[in-house]
Amino acid sequence: MNSRMTYLPSRSPWRGALVAVTALALLAARTPAQDSDEDGVLPKHGSSSGSSEDMHAPGVVGLPEDALGMDQVTPTQAQLVFTALGGSTTLDTTVSAAQATFQPEGPVDFSVTEESVSLQGDGQLVLQDEMTISFQAAPEAVARGAYLVVTTADADLHGLLAGSVAPSYVLPVGDLPAVDLVQLQTLVTKHAGVLNGLKVSLVYLAVDGDGALHKAAAGLTPDGATVEVVSD
């Protein structure tokens, strides 16, 4: 994605919905993280049961074992962070790709702590009401910025990040530390009437200490079936 910005005309029929999305993103960024590890239970890597019932239990992030990449995430790249609303957050690597919370399109790097599970990779995210799922900016970037980008619903996000797919509109959001994707999807769905046939993507750009540019995006459509997540 190049640096040229396109702003919404003042009478665009989509302006109200996109301004609302921007407002939610800013609100989500100010929401403090919750410490939900009240019982002191450590997360587990690999559950003894791979049933869909277990996978959808509160605080369980399902990821196929054959999709596991490095057991650490890159601090100069954006990441998905899953935090249970109550109790511990666990990573279950015994589920199938169809049952997974994050349905990967390649290797997925991961990190597990007492409070959260972090993932980096390309794939389809299945949202869950039992946990906070946030898209977080690179924590160790020298410079970074976030943008809300509108494209057609079938636009290729890799092409968008590479600059080969032109966006319809771009709204700079500034240095946005994190956005709750569950809340963002709720608002996009709420405005389905004006966003029909479109995709709203949160794009993070980050520059590391060597001057390299890192890009990541989470694309949401009004139907809300899954959230597409890619990095470049």
C-alpha atoms as a PDB file:
ATOM      1  CA  MET A   1       0.000   0.000   0.000  1.00  0.00           C
ATOM      2  CA  ASN A   2       1.516   3.322  -0.985  1.00  0.00           C
ATOM      3  CA  SER A   3       1.508   6.498   1.062  1.00  0.00           C
ATOM      4  CA  ARG A   4      -1.019   8.365  -1.060  1.00  0.00           C
ATOM      5  CA  MET A   5      -4.187   9.013   0.955  1.00  0.00           C
ATOM      6  CA  THR A   6      -7.705   9.363  -0.388  1.00  0.00           C
ATOM      7  CA  TYR A   7     -10.158  11.200   1.827  1.00  0.00           C
ATOM      8  CA  LEU A   8     -13.915  10.880   1.921  1.00  0.00           C
ATOM      9  CA  PRO A   9     -15.929  13.562   0.161  1.00  0.00           C
ATOM     10  CA  SER A  10     -18.150  15.418   2.587  1.00  0.00           C
ATOM     11  CA  ARG A  11     -21.376  14.045   1.081  1.00  0.00           C
ATOM     12  CA  SER A  12     -20.283  10.445   0.550  1.00  0.00           C
ATOM     13  CA  PRO A  13     -23.086   8.004   1.522  1.00  0.00           C
ATOM     14  CA  TRP A  14     -20.443   5.893   3.275  1.00  0.00           C
ATOM     15  CA  ARG A  15     -19.001   8.707   5.369  1.00  0.00           C
ATOM     16  CA  GLY A  16     -21.237   8.201   8.423  1.00  0.00           C
ATOM     17  CA  ALA A  17     -20.443   4.509   8.713  1.00  0.00           C
ATOM     18  CA  LEU A  18     -16.697   4.979   8.299  1.00  0.00           C
ATOM     19  CA  VAL A  19     -16.546   7.840  10.768  1.00  0.00           C
ATOM     20  CA  ALA A  20     -18.350   5.550  13.233  1.00  0.00           C
ATOM     21  CA  VAL A  21     -15.798   2.792  12.582  1.00  0.00           C
ATOM     22  CA  THR A  22     -12.980   5.251  13.237  1.00  0.00           C
ATOM     23  CA  ALA A  23     -14.622   6.371  16.477  1.00  0.00           C
ATOM     24  CA  LEU A  24     -14.913   2.762  17.645  1.00  0.00           C
ATOM     25  CA  ALA A  25     -11.269   2.089  16.787  1.00  0.00           C
ATOM     26  CA  LEU A  26     -10.169   5.055  18.884  1.00  0.00           C
ATOM     27  CA  LEU A  27     -12.447   3.993  21.736  1.00  0.00           C
ATOM     28  CA  ALA A  28     -11.119   0.430  21.650  1.00  0.00           C
ATOM     29  CA  ALA A  29      -7.540   1.705  21.763  1.00  0.00           C
ATOM     30  CA  ARG A  30      -8.248   3.488  25.056  1.00  0.00           C
ATOM     31  CA  THR A  31      -9.789   0.419  26.717  1.00  0.00           C
ATOM     32  CA  PRO A  32      -7.338  -0.879  29.344  1.00  0.00           C
ATOM     33  CA  ALA A  33      -6.262  -4.517  29.175  1.00  0.00           C
ATOM     34  CA  GLN A  34      -7.997  -6.745  31.691  1.00  0.00           C
ATOM     35  CA  ASP A  35      -6.085  -9.141  33.925  1.00  0.00           C
ATOM     36  CA  SER A  36      -8.335 -12.186  33.798  1.00  0.00           C
ATOM     37  CA  ASP A  37      -5.875 -14.657  35.328  1.00  0.00           C
ATOM     38  CA  GLU A  38      -7.658 -14.703  38.663  1.00  0.00           C
ATOM     39  CA  ASP A  39      -7.052 -18.369  39.444  1.00  0.00           C
ATOM     40  CA  GLY A  40      -3.365 -18.448  38.539  1.00  0.00           C
ATOM     41  CA  VAL A  41      -3.797 -21.271  36.030  1.00  0.00           C
ATOM     42  CA  LEU A  42      -1.125 -21.355  33.341  1.00  0.00           C
ATOM     43  CA  PRO A  43      -2.173 -21.634  29.704  1.00  0.00           C
ATOM     44  CA  LYS A  44      -1.792 -25.051  28.117  1.00  0.00           C
ATOM     45  CA  HIS A  45      -0.148 -25.847  24.785  1.00  0.00           C
ATOM     46  CA  GLY A  46      -2.164 -28.729  23.360  1.00  0.00           C
ATOM     47  CA  SER A  47      -5.399 -29.882  24.973  1.00  0.00           C
ATOM     48  CA  SER A  48      -6.229 -33.525  25.687  1.00  0.00           C
ATOM     49  CA  SER A  49      -9.429 -33.134  23.708  1.00  0.00           C
ATOM     50  CA  GLY A  50      -9.849 -31.726  20.229  1.00  0.00           C
ATOM     51  CA  SER A  51     -13.624 -31.566  20.101  1.00  0.00           C
ATOM     52  CA  SER A  52     -15.356 -28.504  18.717  1.00  0.00           C
ATOM     53  CA  GLU A  53     -17.116 -28.249  22.066  1.00  0.00           C
ATOM     54  CA  ASP A  54     -13.783 -27.779  23.843  1.00  0.00           C
ATOM     55  CA  MET A  55     -12.504 -25.466  21.127  1.00  0.00           C
ATOM     56  CA  HIS A  56     -15.402 -23.076  21.657  1.00  0.00           C
ATOM     57  CA  ALA A  57     -15.059 -23.146  25.455  1.00  0.00           C
ATOM     58  CA  PRO A  58     -14.270 -19.784  27.033  1.00  0.00           C
ATOM     59  CA  GLY A  59     -10.611 -18.871  26.792  1.00  0.00           C
ATOM     60  CA  VAL A  60      -9.564 -21.612  24.334  1.00  0.00           C
ATOM     61  CA  VAL A  61      -7.752 -20.631  21.125  1.00  0.00           C
ATOM     62  CA  GLY A  62      -7.797 -23.516  18.638  1.00  0.00           C
ATOM     63  CA  LEU A  63      -4.957 -23.861  16.137  1.00  0.00           C
ATOM     64  CA  PRO A  64      -3.985 -26.993  14.125  1.00  0.00           C
ATOM     65  CA  GLU A  65      -0.678 -28.469  15.223  1.00  0.00           C
ATOM     66  CA  ASP A  66       0.588 -28.733  11.654  1.00  0.00           C
ATOM     67  CA  ALA A  67       0.183 -24.954  11.304  1.00  0.00           C
ATOM     68  CA  LEU A  68       2.553 -24.108  14.156  1.00  0.00           C
ATOM     69  CA  GLY A  69       5.513 -21.934  13.219  1.00  0.00           C
ATOM     70  CA  MET A  70       7.962 -20.373  15.667  1.00  0.00           C
ATOM     71  CA  ASP A  71       7.024 -20.289  19.357  1.00  0.00           C
ATOM     72  CA  GLN A  72       7.541 -16.528  19.465  1.00  0.00           C
ATOM     73  CA  VAL A  73       6.088 -13.526  17.709  1.00  0.00           C
ATOM     74  CA  THR A  74       8.025 -10.772  15.928  1.00  0.00           C
ATOM     75  CA  PRO A  75       7.854  -7.485  17.898  1.00  0.00           C
ATOM     76  CA  THR A  76       8.199  -5.342  14.770  1.00  0.00           C
ATOM     77  CA  GLN A  77       5.019  -6.794  13.231  1.00  0.00           C
ATOM     78  CA  ALA A  78       1.340  -6.479  14.189  1.00  0.00           C
ATOM     79  CA  GLN A  79      -0.220  -9.440  15.972  1.00  0.00           C
ATOM     80  CA  LEU A  80      -3.536 -10.955  17.061  1.00  0.00           C
ATOM     81  CA  VAL A  81      -3.921 -11.161  20.843  1.00  0.00           C
ATOM     82  CA  PHE A  82      -6.580 -13.359  22.469  1.00  0.00           C
ATOM     83  CA  THR A  83      -7.529 -12.744  26.106  1.00  0.00           C
ATOM     84  CA  ALA A  84     -10.210 -14.677  27.982  1.00  0.00           C
ATOM     85  CA  LEU A  85     -12.950 -12.605  29.622  1.00  0.00           C
ATOM     86  CA  GLY A  86     -12.691 -14.824  32.692  1.00  0.00           C
ATOM     87  CA  GLY A  87     -10.063 -17.340  33.796  1.00  0.00           C
ATOM     88  CA  SER A  88      -6.984 -18.345  31.843  1.00  0.00           C
ATOM     89  CA  THR A  89      -6.341 -18.246  28.107  1.00  0.00           C
ATOM     90  CA  THR A  90      -5.183 -21.528  26.560  1.00  0.00           C
ATOM     91  CA  LEU A  91      -3.854 -22.693  23.202  1.00  0.00           C
ATOM     92  CA  ASP A  92      -5.299 -25.988  21.930  1.00  0.00           C
ATOM     93  CA  THR A  93      -3.291 -27.461  19.049  1.00  0.00           C
ATOM     94  CA  THR A  94      -5.329 -30.656  18.649  1.00  0.00           C
ATOM     95  CA  VAL A  95      -8.147 -29.151  16.588  1.00  0.00           C
ATOM     96  CA  SER A  96      -8.651 -29.498  12.835  1.00  0.00           C
ATOM     97  CA  ALA A  97      -8.346 -26.545  10.470  1.00  0.00           C
ATOM     98  CA  ALA A  98     -12.141 -26.447  10.139  1.00  0.00           C
ATOM     99  CA  GLN A  99     -12.553 -26.215  13.937  1.00  0.00           C
ATOM    100  CA  ALA A 100      -9.764 -23.732  14.529  1.00  0.00           C
ATOM    101  CA  THR A 101     -10.252 -20.275  16.000  1.00  0.00           C
ATOM    102  CA  PHE A 102      -7.686 -19.110  13.465  1.00  0.00           C
ATOM    103  CA  GLN A 103      -7.877 -21.024  10.190  1.00  0.00           C
ATOM    104  CA  PRO A 104      -4.337 -20.666   8.798  1.00  0.00           C
ATOM    105  CA  GLU A 105      -3.118 -20.276   5.246  1.00  0.00           C
ATOM    106  CA  GLY A 106       0.478 -21.090   6.194  1.00  0.00           C
ATOM    107  CA  PRO A 107       2.739 -21.273   9.267  1.00  0.00           C
ATOM    108  CA  VAL A 108       1.498 -19.350  12.295  1.00  0.00           C
ATOM    109  CA  ASP A 109       3.937 -18.009  14.887  1.00  0.00           C
ATOM    110  CA  PHE A 110       2.616 -17.958  18.449  1.00  0.00           C
ATOM    111  CA  SER A 111       3.317 -16.883  21.997  1.00  0.00           C
ATOM    112  CA  VAL A 112       1.500 -18.015  25.157  1.00  0.00           C
ATOM    113  CA  THR A 113       1.484 -16.234  28.526  1.00  0.00           C
ATOM    114  CA  GLU A 114      -0.637 -16.551  31.653  1.00  0.00           C
ATOM    115  CA  GLU A 115      -2.995 -13.885  30.321  1.00  0.00           C
ATOM    116  CA  SER A 116      -3.102 -14.226  26.552  1.00  0.00           C
ATOM    117  CA  VAL A 117      -2.291 -16.064  23.331  1.00  0.00           C
ATOM    118  CA  SER A 118      -0.649 -14.098  20.507  1.00  0.00           C
ATOM    119  CA  LEU A 119      -0.579 -15.180  16.859  1.00  0.00           C
ATOM    120  CA  GLN A 120       1.087 -13.912  13.675  1.00  0.00           C
ATOM    121  CA  GLY A 121       0.246 -15.370  10.287  1.00  0.00           C
ATOM    122  CA  ASP A 122      -2.168 -15.352   7.370  1.00  0.00           C
ATOM    123  CA  GLY A 123      -5.609 -16.862   7.696  1.00  0.00           C
ATOM    124  CA  GLN A 124      -9.259 -16.506   8.601  1.00  0.00           C
ATOM    125  CA  LEU A 125     -10.159 -15.487  12.154  1.00  0.00           C
ATOM    126  CA  VAL A 126     -13.342 -16.884  13.688  1.00  0.00           C
ATOM    127  CA  LEU A 127     -14.569 -14.358  16.259  1.00  0.00           C
ATOM    128  CA  GLN A 128     -15.695 -15.541  19.710  1.00  0.00           C
ATOM    129  CA  ASP A 129     -17.811 -13.710  22.258  1.00  0.00           C
ATOM    130  CA  GLU A 130     -16.063 -15.360  25.219  1.00  0.00           C
ATOM    131  CA  MET A 131     -12.793 -13.500  24.735  1.00  0.00           C
ATOM    132  CA  THR A 132     -11.276 -10.223  23.671  1.00  0.00           C
ATOM    133  CA  ILE A 133      -9.554 -10.541  20.290  1.00  0.00           C
ATOM    134  CA  SER A 134      -7.453  -7.506  19.528  1.00  0.00           C
ATOM    135  CA  PHE A 135      -5.351  -6.586  16.521  1.00  0.00           C
ATOM    136  CA  GLN A 136      -2.299  -4.935  18.042  1.00  0.00           C
ATOM    137  CA  ALA A 137       0.302  -2.694  16.455  1.00  0.00           C
ATOM    138  CA  ALA A 138       3.977  -3.687  16.438  1.00  0.00           C
ATOM    139  CA  PRO A 139       5.254  -2.942  19.965  1.00  0.00           C
ATOM    140  CA  GLU A 140       8.886  -2.292  18.954  1.00  0.00           C
ATOM    141  CA  ALA A 141       8.477  -0.204  15.812  1.00  0.00           C
ATOM    142  CA  VAL A 142      10.536   2.955  15.347  1.00  0.00           C
ATOM    143  CA  ALA A 143       7.547   4.496  13.584  1.00  0.00           C
ATOM    144  CA  ARG A 144       4.068   3.127  12.978  1.00  0.00           C
ATOM    145  CA  GLY A 145       0.609   4.137  11.835  1.00  0.00           C
ATOM    146  CA  ALA A 146      -2.881   2.704  11.344  1.00  0.00           C
ATOM    147  CA  TYR A 147      -5.345   3.230   8.505  1.00  0.00           C
ATOM    148  CA  LEU A 148      -8.946   2.239   7.865  1.00  0.00           C
ATOM    149  CA  VAL A 149      -9.137   1.242   4.218  1.00  0.00           C
ATOM    150  CA  VAL A 150     -12.264   0.579   2.137  1.00  0.00           C
ATOM    151  CA  THR A 151     -12.121  -1.747  -0.876  1.00  0.00           C
ATOM    152  CA  THR A 152     -14.519  -4.034  -2.701  1.00  0.00           C
ATOM    153  CA  ALA A 153     -15.441  -7.093  -0.640  1.00  0.00           C
ATOM    154  CA  ASP A 154     -13.428  -9.439  -2.876  1.00  0.00           C
ATOM    155  CA  ALA A 155     -10.261  -7.311  -2.910  1.00  0.00           C
ATOM    156  CA  ASP A 156      -7.020  -9.210  -2.302  1.00  0.00           C
ATOM    157  CA  LEU A 157      -5.460  -7.911   0.919  1.00  0.00           C
ATOM    158  CA  HIS A 158      -1.965  -9.005  -0.105  1.00  0.00           C
ATOM    159  CA  GLY A 159      -2.439  -6.972  -3.263  1.00  0.00           C
ATOM    160  CA  LEU A 160      -3.635  -4.033  -1.187  1.00  0.00           C
ATOM    161  CA  LEU A 161      -0.516  -4.137   1.006  1.00  0.00           C
ATOM    162  CA  ALA A 162       1.714  -4.533  -2.043  1.00  0.00           C
ATOM    163  CA  GLY A 163       0.103  -1.562  -3.789  1.00  0.00           C
ATOM    164  CA  SER A 164      -1.320  -3.536  -6.722  1.00  0.00           C
ATOM    165  CA  VAL A 165      -4.923  -3.160  -5.477  1.00  0.00           C
ATOM    166  CA  ALA A 166      -6.176   0.416  -5.260  1.00  0.00           C
ATOM    167  CA  PRO A 167      -8.336   1.329  -2.236  1.00  0.00           C
ATOM    168  CA  SER A 168     -11.597   3.234  -2.623  1.00  0.00           C
ATOM    169  CA  TYR A 169     -10.988   5.326   0.506  1.00  0.00           C
ATOM    170  CA  VAL A 170      -8.312   5.581   3.192  1.00  0.00           C
ATOM    171  CA  LEU A 171      -8.780   7.132   6.643  1.00  0.00           C
ATOM    172  CA  PRO A 172      -5.543   7.705   8.604  1.00  0.00           C
ATOM    173  CA  VAL A 173      -6.088   6.824  12.268  1.00  0.00           C
ATOM    174  CA  GLY A 174      -2.630   7.670  13.626  1.00  0.00           C
ATOM    175  CA  ASP A 175      -0.684   5.607  16.150  1.00  0.00           C
ATOM    176  CA  LEU A 176      -3.400   3.158  17.203  1.00  0.00           C
ATOM    177  CA  PRO A 177      -2.017   0.623  19.712  1.00  0.00           C
ATOM    178  CA  ALA A 178      -4.837  -1.934  19.412  1.00  0.00           C
ATOM    179  CA  VAL A 179      -8.404  -2.497  18.230  1.00  0.00           C
ATOM    180  CA  ASP A 180     -10.955  -4.995  19.522  1.00  0.00           C
ATOM    181  CA  LEU A 181     -11.962  -6.887  16.359  1.00  0.00           C
ATOM    182  CA  VAL A 182     -15.178  -8.221  17.928  1.00  0.00           C
ATOM    183  CA  GLN A 183     -16.386  -4.670  18.529  1.00  0.00           C
ATOM    184  CA  LEU A 184     -15.177  -3.515  15.131  1.00  0.00           C
ATOM    185  CA  GLN A 185     -17.033  -6.354  13.395  1.00  0.00           C
ATOM    186  CA  THR A 186     -20.192  -5.493  15.345  1.00  0.00           C
ATOM    187  CA  LEU A 187     -20.106  -1.946  14.008  1.00  0.00           C
ATOM    188  CA  VAL A 188     -19.322  -2.994  10.436  1.00  0.00           C
ATOM    189  CA  THR A 189     -22.268  -5.405  10.568  1.00  0.00           C
ATOM    190  CA  LYS A 190     -24.484  -2.688  12.019  1.00  0.00           C
ATOM    191  CA  HIS A 191     -23.776  -0.537   8.948  1.00  0.00           C
ATOM    192  CA  ALA A 192     -24.303  -3.367   6.459  1.00  0.00           C
ATOM    193  CA  GLY A 193     -26.792  -1.235   4.548  1.00  0.00           C
ATOM    194  CA  VAL A 194     -24.102   1.209   3.398  1.00  0.00           C
ATOM    195  CA  LEU A 195     -21.180  -1.239   3.394  1.00  0.00           C
ATOM    196  CA  ASN A 196     -22.794  -3.976   1.306  1.00  0.00           C
ATOM    197  CA  GLY A 197     -20.271  -5.278  -1.242  1.00  0.00           C
ATOM    198  CA  LEU A 198     -17.380  -3.571   0.565  1.00  0.00           C
ATOM    199  CA  LYS A 199     -14.558  -4.569   2.884  1.00  0.00           C
ATOM    200  CA  VAL A 200     -13.290  -2.384   5.737  1.00  0.00           C
ATOM    201  CA  SER A 201      -9.685  -3.204   6.598  1.00  0.00           C
ATOM    202  CA  LEU A 202      -7.570  -2.034   9.498  1.00  0.00           C
ATOM    203  CA  VAL A 203      -4.039  -1.713   8.096  1.00  0.00           C
ATOM    204  CA  TYR A 204      -0.946  -1.365  10.263  1.00  0.00           C
ATOM    205  CA  LEU A 205       2.356  -0.046   8.877  1.00  0.00           C
ATOM    206  CA  ALA A 206       5.511  -0.228  10.985  1.00  0.00           C
ATOM    207  CA  VAL A 207       9.152   0.677  10.413  1.00  0.00           C
ATOM    208  CA  ASP A 208      11.806  -1.282  12.311  1.00  0.00           C
ATOM    209  CA  GLY A 209      15.253  -0.169  13.483  1.00  0.00           C
ATOM    210  CA  ASP A 210      16.828  -1.126  10.152  1.00  0.00           C
ATOM    211  CA  GLY A 211      14.363   0.989   8.198  1.00  0.00           C
ATOM    212  CA  ALA A 212      12.378  -1.983   6.837  1.00  0.00           C
ATOM    213  CA  LEU A 213       8.626  -1.498   6.383  1.00  0.00           C
ATOM    214  CA  HIS A 214       6.264  -4.134   7.795  1.00  0.00           C
ATOM    215  CA  LYS A 215       2.588  -4.324   6.808  1.00  0.00           C
ATOM    216  CA  ALA A 216      -0.424  -6.192   8.192  1.00  0.00           C
ATOM    217  CA  ALA A 217      -4.170  -5.987   7.674  1.00  0.00           C
ATOM    218  CA  ALA A 218      -7.422  -7.321   9.107  1.00  0.00           C
ATOM    219  CA  GLY A 219     -10.318  -7.190   6.631  1.00  0.00           C
ATOM    220  CA  LEU A 220     -13.957  -7.160   7.789  1.00  0.00           C
ATOM    221  CA  THR A 221     -17.105  -7.515   5.689  1.00  0.00           C
ATOM    222  CA  PRO A 222     -20.708  -6.899   6.771  1.00  0.00           C
ATOM    223  CA  ASP A 223     -21.636 -10.607   6.762  1.00  0.00           C
ATOM    224  CA  GLY A 224     -19.128 -11.129   9.597  1.00  0.00           C
ATOM    225  CA  ALA A 225     -18.457 -14.823   8.910  1.00  0.00           C
ATOM    226  CA  THR A 226     -14.694 -14.499   9.460  1.00  0.00           C
ATOM    227  CA  VAL A 227     -12.055 -11.768   9.558  1.00  0.00           C
ATOM    228  CA  GLU A 228      -9.268 -12.074   6.982  1.00  0.00           C
ATOM    229  CA  VAL A 229      -5.808 -11.433   8.458  1.00  0.00           C
ATOM    230  CA  VAL A 230      -2.662 -11.055   6.327  1.00  0.00           C
ATOM    231  CA  SER A 231       0.869  -9.713   6.662  1.00  0.00           C
ATOM    232  CA  ASP A 232       3.438  -8.696   4.099  1.00  0.00           C
END
